[in-house]
Every structure is written in C-alpha cells, then in structure tokens.
C-alpha cells in the first residue's frame, strides 16, 4: 500500500505566488470523500517536502531535479520590476535592464529567478525574503525584480510594477516524486490538464461496460420483425406459380 493510499487526504504543497484555488474547487467537487490538504511552503523547501513524503504533489517553480521528479509545466510568468509609485520608470509601459542602471536592485535570498547578470547596482546586503525586500522598496532603498504573481502578492498602494524586458522568467509546474505516481496524483493531473469527469484517461469508466448492454437491448425488438419479413417474402399468393403462367398465353405456331 502506498503512502497516498494510507492517507485520508490528498496533500498538495504550493509556493508563494501560485493560486491553486480553481483546481482545489474542482477537486472538492469530484472527490468529496477525499479532502485536499493544502499547504504553502517556501519555494526552496518544496522539493524537500515532496521527497520527505510530507506531500503527494506540489505546484512549484522550475527547475526541479528530473531524475527524481516528474513534472508537468503549467505556465510561465512575466517578470516585472517593483518600484515606488513615483519612480521615473513608471512613465514607460515596459522597462529595459538599462533603465535600472542607476538603481539599487535588491536580491533577496529566496529569489526565484535564475540570473546570469542582474541589472542595476547591488545592495550591500541581501534581504532574507521577498517580503523584506518589498519593505525596502517602500522605504526608497532600491527596486525589486520578481515574477508578476509575487508583485501582486505583495501589492501595496505606495508601490507599482512594470514589465521588465530581457529578463529571466519563472515557470510553474505540477511536480511529484517519480516513484509515487498514485491514483490520486493521476486524478489531480487530470484536473490541471482540464480533463472532464468522463475523460477516457480517468480511472472511472463505467460507460464502457454499460454500452454493450444498451446495444443488446435495442437489438432485441428487431429479431421478431426480421422473422416476419422473412415469412412474408416466402409466402406465395393465391394461384402460386400457376398465376404467373396464366399472365401471358403461349402463341401457337
């Protein structure tokens, strides 16, 4: 018996910025007897929770170790720069890395973007979290580059954001341990992929067994009617074959 079979619920972890509400709602509609236990974890801790058996699957940010995890990429987020509401870059629709050359660009320790060369000037110290970095932006100490969902998560009235071109992007995926693909995991895969309840990829397919019975039921009334047709075709009208001979007299020579 697998760990997921022993558990009374399906355990799903997700990282900050991901919004699993729609999928959770569909799960609750389709699996009313299997509660979904939802837990938010830091992005860096998600893999450990999955490998440690604390969760059945996770909505996490790529990349992950594909030698131990199966992953279904779901979407890629736009990258934005979070700035004070009165910052100069708010005058443009999209910011380039060169536009930030004079700014201090904060780089929190929980950053989820894979940078080769960050724009702007580095801060003397790296904030511990993205939330801490947002506080520093509000204090006018620097700007912050994050996926769009994190900018929305930490929205403040005194801050705004603009799309940043030529920047790395963050992709979100459904991930689970490769050796733990349980029936419940398969069910959740179907939900995030948009499968219907009666999808042929699902586990429940009662209609496949019921269909032959319905076909047999429809064919049963046809048997006697077929016999009647055969009987009527073999019936000989009065006079039999003699009637056909009387139809045209033979000419005498």
Protein backbone atom coordinates (compact mmCIF):
# COMPACT_ATOMS: atom_id res chain seq x y z
CA UNK A 1 0.00 0.00 0.00
CA UNK A 2 1.38 3.41 -0.92
CA UNK A 3 1.68 6.40 1.38
CA UNK A 4 -1.07 8.18 -0.51
CA UNK A 5 -3.43 5.20 -0.10
CA UNK A 6 -2.90 5.24 3.68
CA UNK A 7 -3.52 8.97 3.92
CA UNK A 8 -7.11 10.18 4.42
CA UNK A 9 -6.45 13.14 2.15
CA UNK A 10 -4.54 14.31 -0.90
CA UNK A 11 -1.68 16.53 0.25
CA UNK A 12 -0.71 19.38 -2.03
CA UNK A 13 2.01 21.96 -1.40
CA UNK A 14 2.34 25.20 -3.34
CA UNK A 15 4.81 28.06 -3.41
CA UNK A 16 4.11 31.78 -2.88
CA UNK A 17 2.50 33.44 -5.87
CA UNK A 18 0.75 30.32 -7.15
CA UNK A 19 -3.06 30.42 -6.98
CA UNK A 20 -4.41 26.84 -6.75
CA UNK A 21 -7.99 27.84 -5.85
CA UNK A 22 -9.60 26.76 -9.14
CA UNK A 23 -8.02 23.30 -9.08
CA UNK A 24 -8.86 22.83 -5.41
CA UNK A 25 -12.51 23.70 -6.08
CA UNK A 26 -12.72 21.15 -8.92
CA UNK A 27 -11.05 18.52 -6.73
CA UNK A 28 -13.61 19.07 -3.96
CA UNK A 29 -16.43 18.69 -6.48
CA UNK A 30 -15.05 15.46 -7.93
CA UNK A 31 -13.57 13.91 -4.79
CA UNK A 32 -15.91 14.85 -1.92
CA UNK A 33 -14.72 11.86 0.11
CA UNK A 34 -11.01 12.72 -0.23
CA UNK A 35 -10.19 16.08 1.38
CA UNK A 36 -7.38 18.09 -0.20
CA UNK A 37 -4.86 19.29 2.38
CA UNK A 38 -3.30 22.49 1.00
CA UNK A 39 -0.06 23.89 2.42
CA UNK A 40 2.02 26.88 1.29
CA UNK A 41 5.77 26.37 1.59
CA UNK A 42 8.81 28.49 0.66
CA UNK A 43 9.97 27.83 -2.90
CA UNK A 44 13.28 26.41 -1.68
CA UNK A 45 11.55 23.95 0.68
CA UNK A 46 9.05 22.42 -1.76
CA UNK A 47 11.32 19.67 -3.13
CA UNK A 48 12.30 18.54 0.35
CA UNK A 49 8.67 18.28 1.45
CA UNK A 50 7.86 16.10 -1.55
CA UNK A 51 10.86 13.81 -1.21
CA UNK A 52 10.30 13.53 2.52
CA UNK A 53 6.80 12.16 1.99
CA UNK A 54 5.08 15.18 3.54
CA UNK A 55 3.11 15.87 0.35
CA UNK A 56 1.78 13.89 -2.61
CA UNK A 57 2.34 16.63 -5.21
CA UNK A 58 3.28 20.28 -5.45
CA UNK A 59 2.75 23.40 -7.53
CA UNK A 60 6.33 24.63 -7.62
CA UNK A 61 8.72 26.70 -9.67
CA UNK A 62 11.05 25.13 -12.18
CA UNK A 63 13.70 23.85 -12.46
CA UNK A 64 13.46 20.67 -10.41
CA UNK A 65 15.61 17.55 -10.38
CA UNK A 66 14.08 15.49 -13.21
CA UNK A 67 15.98 12.37 -12.12
CA UNK A 68 13.67 12.06 -9.10
CA UNK A 69 10.63 14.19 -10.02
CA UNK A 70 8.00 14.03 -12.72
CA UNK A 71 6.85 17.48 -13.82
CA UNK A 72 4.10 18.96 -15.97
CA UNK A 73 4.86 22.61 -16.85
CA UNK A 74 1.71 24.72 -16.47
CA UNK A 75 2.61 28.31 -17.34
CA UNK A 76 5.43 30.85 -17.49
CA UNK A 77 5.15 34.17 -15.68
CA UNK A 78 6.05 37.62 -16.85
CA UNK A 79 8.91 39.28 -14.98
CA UNK A 80 8.32 42.75 -13.53
CA UNK A 81 10.21 45.37 -11.55
CA UNK A 82 8.59 46.65 -8.36
CA UNK A 83 9.25 50.35 -7.74
CA UNK A 84 7.86 53.24 -5.66
CA UNK A 85 4.75 54.76 -7.22
CA UNK A 86 6.64 57.96 -8.07
CA UNK A 87 9.67 56.27 -9.68
CA UNK A 88 10.84 57.55 -13.06
CA UNK A 89 10.24 54.21 -14.83
CA UNK A 90 6.51 54.49 -14.21
CA UNK A 91 6.43 56.83 -17.20
CA UNK A 92 7.03 53.91 -19.61
CA UNK A 93 5.00 50.78 -20.38
CA UNK A 94 7.99 48.41 -20.29
CA UNK A 95 11.35 48.77 -18.60
CA UNK A 96 14.69 47.63 -20.01
CA UNK A 97 17.62 46.49 -17.86
CA UNK A 98 19.49 49.64 -18.94
CA UNK A 99 16.75 51.77 -17.37
CA UNK A 100 17.76 50.38 -13.97
CA UNK A 101 21.49 51.03 -14.31
CA UNK A 102 21.47 53.73 -11.62
CA UNK A 103 19.15 51.90 -9.22
CA UNK A 104 20.00 49.58 -6.37
CA UNK A 105 18.39 46.27 -7.34
CA UNK A 106 17.57 44.18 -4.29
CA UNK A 107 18.33 40.45 -4.49
CA UNK A 108 16.53 38.52 -1.72
CA UNK A 109 17.84 35.16 -0.60
CA UNK A 110 14.60 33.48 -1.68
CA UNK A 111 14.78 34.90 -5.23
CA UNK A 112 13.22 32.50 -7.75
CA UNK A 113 14.78 33.98 -10.91
CA UNK A 114 17.91 32.48 -12.42
CA UNK A 115 20.17 35.45 -13.12
CA UNK A 116 23.41 35.44 -15.05
CA UNK A 117 23.94 39.17 -14.67
CA UNK A 118 21.48 41.27 -12.67
CA UNK A 119 20.91 44.84 -13.83
CA UNK A 120 21.49 47.89 -11.66
CA UNK A 121 23.74 48.19 -8.62
CA UNK A 122 23.83 45.51 -5.91
CA UNK A 123 22.80 46.29 -2.35
CA UNK A 124 25.30 45.96 0.47
CA UNK A 125 23.26 43.13 1.99
CA UNK A 126 20.73 40.72 0.54
CA UNK A 127 17.27 40.77 2.19
CA UNK A 128 16.28 37.46 3.75
CA UNK A 129 12.92 37.25 1.97
CA UNK A 130 10.98 38.83 -0.86
CA UNK A 131 8.63 40.34 1.72
CA UNK A 132 11.60 42.05 3.39
CA UNK A 133 12.75 43.35 0.01
CA UNK A 134 9.31 44.83 -0.66
CA UNK A 135 9.55 46.75 2.61
CA UNK A 136 12.90 48.17 1.50
CA UNK A 137 11.44 49.24 -1.85
CA UNK A 138 8.67 51.06 0.01
CA UNK A 139 11.34 52.79 2.09
CA UNK A 140 13.02 54.06 -1.09
CA UNK A 141 16.17 51.95 -0.67
CA UNK A 142 16.00 50.12 -4.01
CA UNK A 143 13.86 48.28 -6.55
CA UNK A 144 12.93 44.60 -6.79
CA UNK A 145 12.60 42.22 -9.76
CA UNK A 146 10.14 39.35 -9.32
CA UNK A 147 7.58 37.24 -11.22
CA UNK A 148 4.28 39.05 -11.71
CA UNK A 149 2.42 36.85 -9.21
CA UNK A 150 4.80 37.83 -6.41
CA UNK A 151 4.39 41.51 -7.22
CA UNK A 152 0.63 41.05 -6.91
CA UNK A 153 1.00 39.00 -3.73
CA UNK A 154 2.94 41.83 -2.04
CA UNK A 155 0.89 44.67 -3.53
CA UNK A 156 0.91 47.99 -1.70
CA UNK A 157 -0.72 51.29 -2.56
CA UNK A 158 2.62 53.12 -2.44
CA UNK A 159 4.25 50.69 -4.89
CA UNK A 160 3.68 49.74 -8.51
CA UNK A 161 5.32 47.50 -11.09
CA UNK A 162 6.26 47.48 -14.75
CA UNK A 163 7.16 44.63 -17.13
CA UNK A 164 10.91 44.11 -17.47
CA UNK A 165 12.24 43.07 -20.87
CA UNK A 166 15.27 40.83 -21.46
CA UNK A 167 14.95 39.22 -18.04
CA UNK A 168 14.77 35.57 -16.91
CA UNK A 169 11.27 34.18 -16.40
CA UNK A 170 9.81 31.79 -13.86
CA UNK A 171 7.78 28.73 -14.88
CA UNK A 172 5.33 26.92 -12.60
CA UNK A 173 4.77 23.17 -12.81
CA UNK A 174 2.87 20.35 -11.15
CA UNK A 175 5.56 18.14 -9.64
CA UNK A 176 5.55 14.83 -7.77
CA UNK A 177 8.11 12.11 -6.92
CA UNK A 178 8.57 9.91 -9.98
CA UNK A 179 8.21 6.69 -7.99
CA UNK A 180 4.99 7.84 -6.28
CA UNK A 181 2.51 8.29 -9.13
CA UNK A 182 -0.61 7.22 -7.23
CA UNK A 183 -4.22 7.15 -8.42
CA UNK A 184 -4.88 10.40 -6.54
CA UNK A 185 -1.93 12.04 -8.27
CA UNK A 186 -3.33 10.89 -11.61
CA UNK A 187 -6.69 12.40 -10.68
CA UNK A 188 -5.10 15.76 -9.91
CA UNK A 189 -3.10 15.63 -13.15
CA UNK A 190 -6.40 15.26 -14.97
CA UNK A 191 -7.77 18.33 -13.22
CA UNK A 192 -4.86 20.64 -14.02
CA UNK A 193 -4.89 19.41 -17.62
CA UNK A 194 -8.56 20.22 -17.95
CA UNK A 195 -9.89 16.70 -18.37
CA UNK A 196 -13.59 16.15 -17.80
CA UNK A 197 -15.01 13.71 -15.28
CA UNK A 198 -15.80 11.19 -18.05
CA UNK A 199 -12.44 11.51 -19.78
CA UNK A 200 -11.05 8.24 -21.14
CA UNK A 201 -7.83 8.99 -19.27
CA UNK A 202 -9.67 8.92 -15.95
CA UNK A 203 -9.93 5.97 -13.58
CA UNK A 204 -13.73 5.71 -13.68
CA UNK A 205 -15.13 4.44 -16.98
CA UNK A 206 -18.43 2.66 -16.21
CA UNK A 207 -20.00 3.66 -19.53
CA UNK A 208 -17.57 1.39 -21.43
CA UNK A 209 -19.16 -1.67 -19.79
CA UNK A 210 -22.72 -0.43 -19.94
CA UNK A 211 -22.71 0.39 -23.65
CA UNK A 212 -22.92 -3.24 -24.97
CA UNK A 213 -25.92 -3.87 -22.70
CA UNK A 214 -27.74 -0.87 -24.10
CA UNK A 215 -26.93 -2.04 -27.66
CA UNK A 216 -28.29 -5.54 -26.95
CA UNK A 217 -31.46 -4.03 -25.54
CA UNK A 218 -32.04 -2.00 -28.66
CA UNK A 219 -31.46 -5.01 -30.95
CA UNK A 220 -33.90 -7.39 -29.19
CA UNK A 221 -37.12 -5.98 -30.70
CA UNK A 222 -35.55 -6.25 -34.18
CA UNK A 223 -35.41 -10.07 -34.13
CA UNK A 224 -39.15 -10.83 -34.44
CA UNK A 225 -39.64 -8.10 -37.03
CA UNK A 226 -36.85 -9.65 -39.10
CA UNK A 227 -38.56 -13.03 -38.90
CA UNK A 228 -41.82 -11.51 -40.06
CA UNK A 229 -40.08 -10.03 -43.06
CA UNK A 230 -38.64 -13.41 -43.98
CA UNK A 231 -42.04 -15.03 -43.57
CA UNK A 232 -43.75 -12.50 -45.81
CA UNK A 233 -41.13 -12.91 -48.52
CA UNK A 234 -41.66 -16.70 -48.72
CA UNK A 235 -45.45 -16.54 -48.76
CA UNK A 236 -47.00 -17.43 -52.15
CA UNK A 237 -50.08 -15.55 -53.29
CA UNK A 238 -53.18 -17.46 -54.34
CA UNK A 239 -52.57 -19.31 -57.51
CA UNK A 240 -48.88 -19.84 -56.79
CA UNK A 241 -46.67 -20.24 -59.85
CA UNK A 242 -49.69 -21.05 -61.99
CA UNK A 243 -50.73 -17.44 -61.77
CA UNK A 244 -47.52 -16.39 -63.47
CA UNK A 245 -48.12 -18.79 -66.42
CA UNK A 246 -51.64 -17.51 -66.99
CA UNK A 247 -50.36 -13.97 -67.24
CA UNK A 248 -49.25 -14.37 -70.94
CA UNK A 249 -50.78 -17.04 -73.24
CA UNK A 250 -48.41 -19.11 -75.33
CA UNK A 251 -48.55 -18.22 -79.02
CA UNK A 252 -49.44 -21.11 -81.37
CA UNK A 253 -47.35 -21.67 -84.46
